[in-house]
Amino acid sequence: MDTKQHALAAEIRAESAAQQISAKDMQKAVGVSSSAWSNYFVACTRDVPMGVVVAVAEALGMTGSELLRRAEAREKVLGPPSVDPVTSELENGLSASSRRALEQARRELGVTGPVRDPFGSARADQDDGRGRSATG
């Protein structure tokens, strides 16, 4: 999938987090299975039907056009797709088949190299480049 879908997924995750709505609650509100949700908004391996985009926007209290506008703005910040730091930490618990599927998706997207944080911030336990970390 392209950068637009990754930006849409990132916007949905960010707005859901801001409103303290879990992915499970979003899946129920939109009426999609957890695997479909993952394919649309986590792995970004399937195109998202416009009806799902509209339903997600409504669950977040906005219009579909507002959600898409915000995703478009986010796309300019994100640039090309990269490995999400949260995803790379979570992949330790993936099954062998899930890990192969993730690697295949990364190859198709051309994602290689180290994890990149698009906003330039370090994790709490990482050195910020000035010899400091939030936890030490």
N, C-alpha and C. Protein backbone atom coordinates (compact mmCIF):
# COMPACT_ATOMS: atom_id res chain seq x y z
N MET A 1 0.84 -1.18 0.00
CA MET A 1 0.00 0.00 0.00
C MET A 1 0.89 1.24 0.00
N ASP A 2 0.31 2.33 -0.33
CA ASP A 2 1.09 3.55 -0.47
C ASP A 2 1.15 4.36 0.82
N THR A 3 1.86 5.45 0.74
CA THR A 3 2.04 6.33 1.88
C THR A 3 0.71 6.89 2.36
N LYS A 4 -0.23 7.10 1.46
CA LYS A 4 -1.54 7.65 1.85
C LYS A 4 -2.25 6.74 2.85
N GLN A 5 -2.21 5.43 2.60
CA GLN A 5 -2.87 4.51 3.52
C GLN A 5 -2.16 4.47 4.86
N HIS A 6 -0.85 4.53 4.85
CA HIS A 6 -0.10 4.57 6.11
C HIS A 6 -0.44 5.84 6.89
N ALA A 7 -0.58 6.94 6.18
CA ALA A 7 -0.93 8.21 6.84
C ALA A 7 -2.35 8.14 7.40
N LEU A 8 -3.27 7.54 6.65
CA LEU A 8 -4.64 7.38 7.14
C LEU A 8 -4.64 6.52 8.40
N ALA A 9 -3.91 5.42 8.36
CA ALA A 9 -3.84 4.53 9.53
C ALA A 9 -3.23 5.26 10.72
N ALA A 10 -2.17 6.03 10.50
CA ALA A 10 -1.53 6.77 11.59
C ALA A 10 -2.48 7.82 12.17
N GLU A 11 -3.24 8.47 11.32
CA GLU A 11 -4.20 9.47 11.79
C GLU A 11 -5.29 8.82 12.62
N ILE A 12 -5.78 7.69 12.17
CA ILE A 12 -6.82 6.97 12.92
C ILE A 12 -6.28 6.52 14.27
N ARG A 13 -5.08 5.97 14.28
CA ARG A 13 -4.48 5.54 15.56
C ARG A 13 -4.28 6.73 16.49
N ALA A 14 -3.81 7.84 15.96
CA ALA A 14 -3.57 9.02 16.79
C ALA A 14 -4.87 9.58 17.35
N GLU A 15 -5.89 9.70 16.52
CA GLU A 15 -7.16 10.26 16.98
C GLU A 15 -7.85 9.30 17.96
N SER A 16 -7.75 8.01 17.69
CA SER A 16 -8.32 7.02 18.61
C SER A 16 -7.64 7.12 19.97
N ALA A 17 -6.33 7.24 19.96
CA ALA A 17 -5.58 7.37 21.22
C ALA A 17 -5.96 8.65 21.94
N ALA A 18 -6.08 9.74 21.19
CA ALA A 18 -6.44 11.02 21.81
C ALA A 18 -7.81 10.95 22.47
N GLN A 19 -8.71 10.18 21.87
CA GLN A 19 -10.06 10.04 22.43
C GLN A 19 -10.17 8.83 23.37
N GLN A 20 -9.06 8.16 23.58
CA GLN A 20 -9.00 6.97 24.44
C GLN A 20 -9.99 5.90 24.01
N ILE A 21 -10.00 5.64 22.70
CA ILE A 21 -10.83 4.60 22.12
C ILE A 21 -9.90 3.47 21.70
N SER A 22 -10.12 2.28 22.22
CA SER A 22 -9.27 1.15 21.89
C SER A 22 -9.54 0.67 20.46
N ALA A 23 -8.58 -0.04 19.91
CA ALA A 23 -8.75 -0.61 18.57
C ALA A 23 -9.93 -1.58 18.57
N LYS A 24 -10.08 -2.32 19.64
CA LYS A 24 -11.19 -3.28 19.74
C LYS A 24 -12.53 -2.54 19.70
N ASP A 25 -12.64 -1.42 20.43
CA ASP A 25 -13.87 -0.64 20.41
C ASP A 25 -14.12 -0.03 19.02
N MET A 26 -13.06 0.40 18.35
CA MET A 26 -13.21 0.94 16.99
C MET A 26 -13.69 -0.15 16.05
N GLN A 27 -13.13 -1.35 16.17
CA GLN A 27 -13.55 -2.46 15.31
C GLN A 27 -15.03 -2.75 15.48
N LYS A 28 -15.49 -2.74 16.73
CA LYS A 28 -16.91 -2.99 17.00
C LYS A 28 -17.78 -1.87 16.43
N ALA A 29 -17.36 -0.62 16.64
CA ALA A 29 -18.14 0.53 16.16
C ALA A 29 -18.25 0.54 14.64
N VAL A 30 -17.19 0.13 13.97
CA VAL A 30 -17.15 0.15 12.52
C VAL A 30 -17.75 -1.13 11.93
N GLY A 31 -17.72 -2.22 12.70
CA GLY A 31 -18.28 -3.47 12.22
C GLY A 31 -17.34 -4.27 11.34
N VAL A 32 -16.03 -4.24 11.67
CA VAL A 32 -15.07 -5.04 10.93
C VAL A 32 -14.37 -5.99 11.90
N SER A 33 -13.91 -7.10 11.37
CA SER A 33 -13.19 -8.08 12.20
C SER A 33 -11.81 -7.54 12.57
N SER A 34 -11.21 -8.15 13.56
CA SER A 34 -9.87 -7.72 13.97
C SER A 34 -8.85 -7.96 12.86
N SER A 35 -9.02 -9.03 12.10
CA SER A 35 -8.07 -9.28 11.01
C SER A 35 -8.23 -8.25 9.89
N ALA A 36 -9.48 -7.89 9.58
CA ALA A 36 -9.69 -6.84 8.56
C ALA A 36 -9.12 -5.52 9.05
N TRP A 37 -9.35 -5.19 10.33
CA TRP A 37 -8.81 -3.95 10.90
C TRP A 37 -7.29 -3.92 10.76
N SER A 38 -6.68 -5.04 11.10
CA SER A 38 -5.22 -5.13 11.00
C SER A 38 -4.76 -4.96 9.55
N ASN A 39 -5.45 -5.60 8.62
CA ASN A 39 -5.08 -5.46 7.21
C ASN A 39 -5.26 -4.04 6.70
N TYR A 40 -6.28 -3.35 7.19
CA TYR A 40 -6.53 -1.97 6.75
C TYR A 40 -5.60 -0.96 7.42
N PHE A 41 -5.46 -1.07 8.75
CA PHE A 41 -4.87 0.04 9.50
C PHE A 41 -3.62 -0.29 10.31
N VAL A 42 -3.17 -1.52 10.28
CA VAL A 42 -1.93 -1.86 10.98
C VAL A 42 -0.87 -2.25 9.95
N ALA A 43 -1.12 -3.35 9.25
CA ALA A 43 -0.18 -3.80 8.23
C ALA A 43 -0.35 -3.04 6.92
N CYS A 44 -1.54 -2.46 6.73
CA CYS A 44 -1.86 -1.72 5.50
C CYS A 44 -1.64 -2.58 4.26
N THR A 45 -2.14 -3.82 4.32
CA THR A 45 -1.96 -4.74 3.22
C THR A 45 -3.18 -4.85 2.31
N ARG A 46 -4.31 -4.24 2.72
CA ARG A 46 -5.52 -4.25 1.90
C ARG A 46 -6.05 -2.84 1.75
N ASP A 47 -6.57 -2.54 0.56
CA ASP A 47 -7.21 -1.25 0.35
C ASP A 47 -8.41 -1.11 1.27
N VAL A 48 -8.62 0.08 1.79
CA VAL A 48 -9.73 0.33 2.71
C VAL A 48 -10.94 0.79 1.90
N PRO A 49 -12.07 0.08 2.02
CA PRO A 49 -13.28 0.54 1.33
C PRO A 49 -13.72 1.90 1.88
N MET A 50 -14.25 2.74 1.02
CA MET A 50 -14.66 4.08 1.44
C MET A 50 -15.72 4.01 2.54
N GLY A 51 -16.58 3.01 2.51
CA GLY A 51 -17.57 2.85 3.57
C GLY A 51 -16.93 2.66 4.93
N VAL A 52 -15.81 1.97 4.98
CA VAL A 52 -15.09 1.77 6.24
C VAL A 52 -14.46 3.09 6.69
N VAL A 53 -13.91 3.84 5.76
CA VAL A 53 -13.32 5.15 6.10
C VAL A 53 -14.39 6.06 6.70
N VAL A 54 -15.55 6.10 6.09
CA VAL A 54 -16.65 6.93 6.59
C VAL A 54 -17.11 6.45 7.96
N ALA A 55 -17.22 5.13 8.13
CA ALA A 55 -17.65 4.59 9.43
C ALA A 55 -16.63 4.90 10.53
N VAL A 56 -15.34 4.81 10.21
CA VAL A 56 -14.29 5.14 11.18
C VAL A 56 -14.38 6.61 11.55
N ALA A 57 -14.54 7.46 10.54
CA ALA A 57 -14.65 8.90 10.80
C ALA A 57 -15.83 9.20 11.71
N GLU A 58 -16.97 8.60 11.43
CA GLU A 58 -18.15 8.81 12.27
C GLU A 58 -17.90 8.34 13.70
N ALA A 59 -17.22 7.20 13.86
CA ALA A 59 -16.91 6.69 15.20
C ALA A 59 -15.98 7.66 15.95
N LEU A 60 -15.19 8.41 15.19
CA LEU A 60 -14.29 9.39 15.79
C LEU A 60 -14.93 10.78 15.90
N GLY A 61 -16.19 10.88 15.47
CA GLY A 61 -16.91 12.15 15.60
C GLY A 61 -16.54 13.20 14.56
N MET A 62 -16.20 12.74 13.36
CA MET A 62 -15.87 13.68 12.29
C MET A 62 -16.42 13.15 10.97
N THR A 63 -16.31 13.94 9.96
CA THR A 63 -16.74 13.51 8.63
C THR A 63 -15.62 12.75 7.95
N GLY A 64 -15.98 11.96 6.96
CA GLY A 64 -14.97 11.25 6.18
C GLY A 64 -14.00 12.19 5.51
N SER A 65 -14.52 13.32 5.00
CA SER A 65 -13.64 14.27 4.32
C SER A 65 -12.64 14.90 5.29
N GLU A 66 -13.06 15.15 6.54
CA GLU A 66 -12.15 15.71 7.54
C GLU A 66 -11.05 14.71 7.87
N LEU A 67 -11.42 13.44 8.03
CA LEU A 67 -10.42 12.41 8.32
C LEU A 67 -9.42 12.30 7.17
N LEU A 68 -9.91 12.29 5.94
CA LEU A 68 -9.02 12.20 4.78
C LEU A 68 -8.14 13.44 4.64
N ARG A 69 -8.69 14.62 4.95
CA ARG A 69 -7.88 15.84 4.89
C ARG A 69 -6.74 15.78 5.90
N ARG A 70 -7.05 15.33 7.11
CA ARG A 70 -6.03 15.23 8.14
C ARG A 70 -4.98 14.17 7.79
N ALA A 71 -5.43 13.07 7.19
CA ALA A 71 -4.48 12.03 6.76
C ALA A 71 -3.56 12.57 5.66
N GLU A 72 -4.11 13.37 4.77
CA GLU A 72 -3.30 13.96 3.71
C GLU A 72 -2.23 14.89 4.29
N ALA A 73 -2.61 15.67 5.29
CA ALA A 73 -1.64 16.54 5.95
C ALA A 73 -0.57 15.71 6.66
N ARG A 74 -0.97 14.62 7.28
CA ARG A 74 -0.02 13.75 7.97
C ARG A 74 0.93 13.09 6.98
N GLU A 75 0.43 12.78 5.79
CA GLU A 75 1.26 12.13 4.77
C GLU A 75 2.47 13.00 4.44
N LYS A 76 2.29 14.29 4.43
CA LYS A 76 3.40 15.20 4.13
C LYS A 76 4.48 15.12 5.20
N VAL A 77 4.07 14.86 6.44
CA VAL A 77 5.02 14.74 7.55
C VAL A 77 5.70 13.37 7.54
N LEU A 78 4.93 12.31 7.25
CA LEU A 78 5.46 10.95 7.32
C LEU A 78 6.46 10.63 6.23
N GLY A 79 6.22 11.12 5.02
CA GLY A 79 7.08 10.75 3.92
C GLY A 79 6.87 9.29 3.55
N PRO A 80 7.91 8.65 2.97
CA PRO A 80 7.75 7.25 2.57
C PRO A 80 7.55 6.34 3.77
N PRO A 81 6.87 5.21 3.59
CA PRO A 81 6.62 4.32 4.71
C PRO A 81 7.91 3.81 5.33
N SER A 82 7.88 3.65 6.63
CA SER A 82 9.02 3.11 7.36
C SER A 82 8.50 2.14 8.40
N VAL A 83 9.42 1.51 9.08
CA VAL A 83 9.02 0.58 10.12
C VAL A 83 8.60 1.38 11.33
N ASP A 84 7.38 1.15 11.78
CA ASP A 84 6.85 1.82 12.97
C ASP A 84 7.53 1.25 14.21
N PRO A 85 8.09 2.09 15.11
CA PRO A 85 8.77 1.56 16.30
C PRO A 85 7.88 0.66 17.15
N VAL A 86 6.60 0.97 17.24
CA VAL A 86 5.70 0.14 18.03
C VAL A 86 5.57 -1.23 17.37
N THR A 87 5.43 -1.24 16.04
CA THR A 87 5.30 -2.49 15.32
C THR A 87 6.53 -3.36 15.52
N SER A 88 7.73 -2.75 15.44
CA SER A 88 8.94 -3.56 15.58
C SER A 88 9.07 -4.13 16.98
N GLU A 89 8.59 -3.44 18.01
CA GLU A 89 8.61 -3.98 19.35
C GLU A 89 7.59 -5.10 19.49
N LEU A 90 6.44 -4.97 18.84
CA LEU A 90 5.38 -5.97 18.95
C LEU A 90 5.70 -7.24 18.16
N GLU A 91 6.54 -7.13 17.13
CA GLU A 91 6.75 -8.30 16.30
C GLU A 91 7.47 -9.42 17.05
N ASN A 92 8.05 -9.16 18.21
CA ASN A 92 8.66 -10.22 18.99
C ASN A 92 7.65 -11.29 19.34
N GLY A 93 6.37 -10.95 19.48
CA GLY A 93 5.34 -11.91 19.84
C GLY A 93 4.60 -12.51 18.67
N LEU A 94 5.03 -12.22 17.44
CA LEU A 94 4.33 -12.74 16.27
C LEU A 94 4.65 -14.21 16.03
N SER A 95 3.69 -14.91 15.46
CA SER A 95 3.94 -16.29 15.03
C SER A 95 4.85 -16.25 13.82
N ALA A 96 5.41 -17.41 13.48
CA ALA A 96 6.31 -17.48 12.32
C ALA A 96 5.60 -17.04 11.04
N SER A 97 4.35 -17.48 10.86
CA SER A 97 3.63 -17.11 9.63
C SER A 97 3.32 -15.61 9.61
N SER A 98 2.99 -15.04 10.76
CA SER A 98 2.73 -13.60 10.82
C SER A 98 4.00 -12.80 10.54
N ARG A 99 5.12 -13.28 11.07
CA ARG A 99 6.39 -12.60 10.82
C ARG A 99 6.74 -12.63 9.33
N ARG A 100 6.49 -13.80 8.68
CA ARG A 100 6.76 -13.89 7.24
C ARG A 100 5.86 -12.93 6.47
N ALA A 101 4.59 -12.84 6.86
CA ALA A 101 3.67 -11.92 6.19
C ALA A 101 4.12 -10.47 6.37
N LEU A 102 4.57 -10.13 7.57
CA LEU A 102 5.06 -8.78 7.83
C LEU A 102 6.29 -8.48 6.97
N GLU A 103 7.23 -9.41 6.92
CA GLU A 103 8.42 -9.20 6.10
C GLU A 103 8.07 -9.07 4.62
N GLN A 104 7.11 -9.87 4.15
CA GLN A 104 6.67 -9.78 2.76
C GLN A 104 6.08 -8.40 2.48
N ALA A 105 5.24 -7.92 3.39
CA ALA A 105 4.65 -6.59 3.22
C ALA A 105 5.72 -5.52 3.20
N ARG A 106 6.71 -5.63 4.07
CA ARG A 106 7.81 -4.66 4.08
C ARG A 106 8.58 -4.68 2.77
N ARG A 107 8.84 -5.88 2.24
CA ARG A 107 9.55 -5.96 0.95
C ARG A 107 8.73 -5.30 -0.15
N GLU A 108 7.42 -5.57 -0.17
CA GLU A 108 6.56 -4.98 -1.19
C GLU A 108 6.53 -3.46 -1.10
N LEU A 109 6.63 -2.94 0.12
CA LEU A 109 6.62 -1.50 0.33
C LEU A 109 7.99 -0.87 0.13
N GLY A 110 9.01 -1.71 0.05
CA GLY A 110 10.37 -1.19 -0.08
C GLY A 110 10.93 -0.67 1.23
N VAL A 111 10.39 -1.16 2.35
CA VAL A 111 10.85 -0.71 3.66
C VAL A 111 12.05 -1.56 4.05
N THR A 112 13.18 -0.90 4.24
CA THR A 112 14.40 -1.59 4.65
C THR A 112 15.12 -0.73 5.66
N GLY A 113 16.14 -1.29 6.25
CA GLY A 113 16.99 -0.52 7.14
C GLY A 113 16.42 -0.39 8.54
N PRO A 114 17.02 0.50 9.31
CA PRO A 114 16.64 0.63 10.72
C PRO A 114 15.28 1.28 10.90
N VAL A 115 14.75 1.11 12.08
CA VAL A 115 13.48 1.73 12.44
C VAL A 115 13.66 3.24 12.42
N ARG A 116 12.69 3.93 11.83
CA ARG A 116 12.75 5.39 11.76
C ARG A 116 11.51 5.95 12.44
N ASP A 117 11.73 6.88 13.36
CA ASP A 117 10.61 7.57 14.01
C ASP A 117 10.35 8.82 13.20
N PRO A 118 9.20 8.93 12.52
CA PRO A 118 8.96 10.06 11.63
C PRO A 118 8.90 11.40 12.35
N PHE A 119 8.74 11.40 13.66
CA PHE A 119 8.66 12.65 14.39
C PHE A 119 9.95 12.97 15.12
N GLY A 120 10.97 12.11 14.97
CA GLY A 120 12.29 12.40 15.49
C GLY A 120 12.44 12.27 16.99
N SER A 121 11.48 11.69 17.67
CA SER A 121 11.58 11.57 19.12
C SER A 121 12.09 10.18 19.48
N ALA A 122 12.83 10.11 20.55
CA ALA A 122 13.34 8.84 21.02
C ALA A 122 12.35 8.19 21.97
N ARG A 123 12.44 6.88 22.10
CA ARG A 123 11.66 6.21 23.12
C ARG A 123 12.17 6.65 24.47
N ALA A 124 11.38 6.42 25.50
CA ALA A 124 11.74 6.86 26.85
C ALA A 124 13.06 6.26 27.32
N ASP A 125 13.39 5.05 26.87
CA ASP A 125 14.62 4.41 27.34
C ASP A 125 15.79 4.60 26.38
N GLN A 126 15.64 5.44 25.36
CA GLN A 126 16.71 5.69 24.42
C GLN A 126 17.37 7.03 24.69
N ASP A 127 18.65 7.07 24.42
CA ASP A 127 19.42 8.31 24.52
C ASP A 127 18.89 9.29 23.47
N ASP A 128 18.70 10.53 23.85
CA ASP A 128 18.16 11.52 22.92
C ASP A 128 19.22 12.18 22.05
N GLY A 129 20.45 11.66 22.09
CA GLY A 129 21.53 12.25 21.29
C GLY A 129 22.33 13.27 22.06
N ARG A 130 21.84 13.65 23.22
CA ARG A 130 22.55 14.62 24.07
C ARG A 130 22.94 13.96 25.40
N GLY A 131 23.01 12.62 25.37
CA GLY A 131 23.42 11.90 26.56
C GLY A 131 22.34 11.75 27.62
N ARG A 132 21.07 11.97 27.22
CA ARG A 132 19.97 11.89 28.19
C ARG A 132 18.91 10.93 27.69
N SER A 133 18.20 10.35 28.64
CA SER A 133 17.01 9.56 28.31
C SER A 133 15.97 9.88 29.37
N ALA A 134 14.72 9.63 29.05
CA ALA A 134 13.64 9.94 29.99
C ALA A 134 13.66 9.03 31.21
N THR A 135 14.25 7.84 31.04
CA THR A 135 14.24 6.90 32.16
C THR A 135 15.59 6.79 32.85
N GLY A 136 16.56 7.55 32.42
CA GLY A 136 17.87 7.39 33.06
C GLY A 136 18.68 8.57 32.88
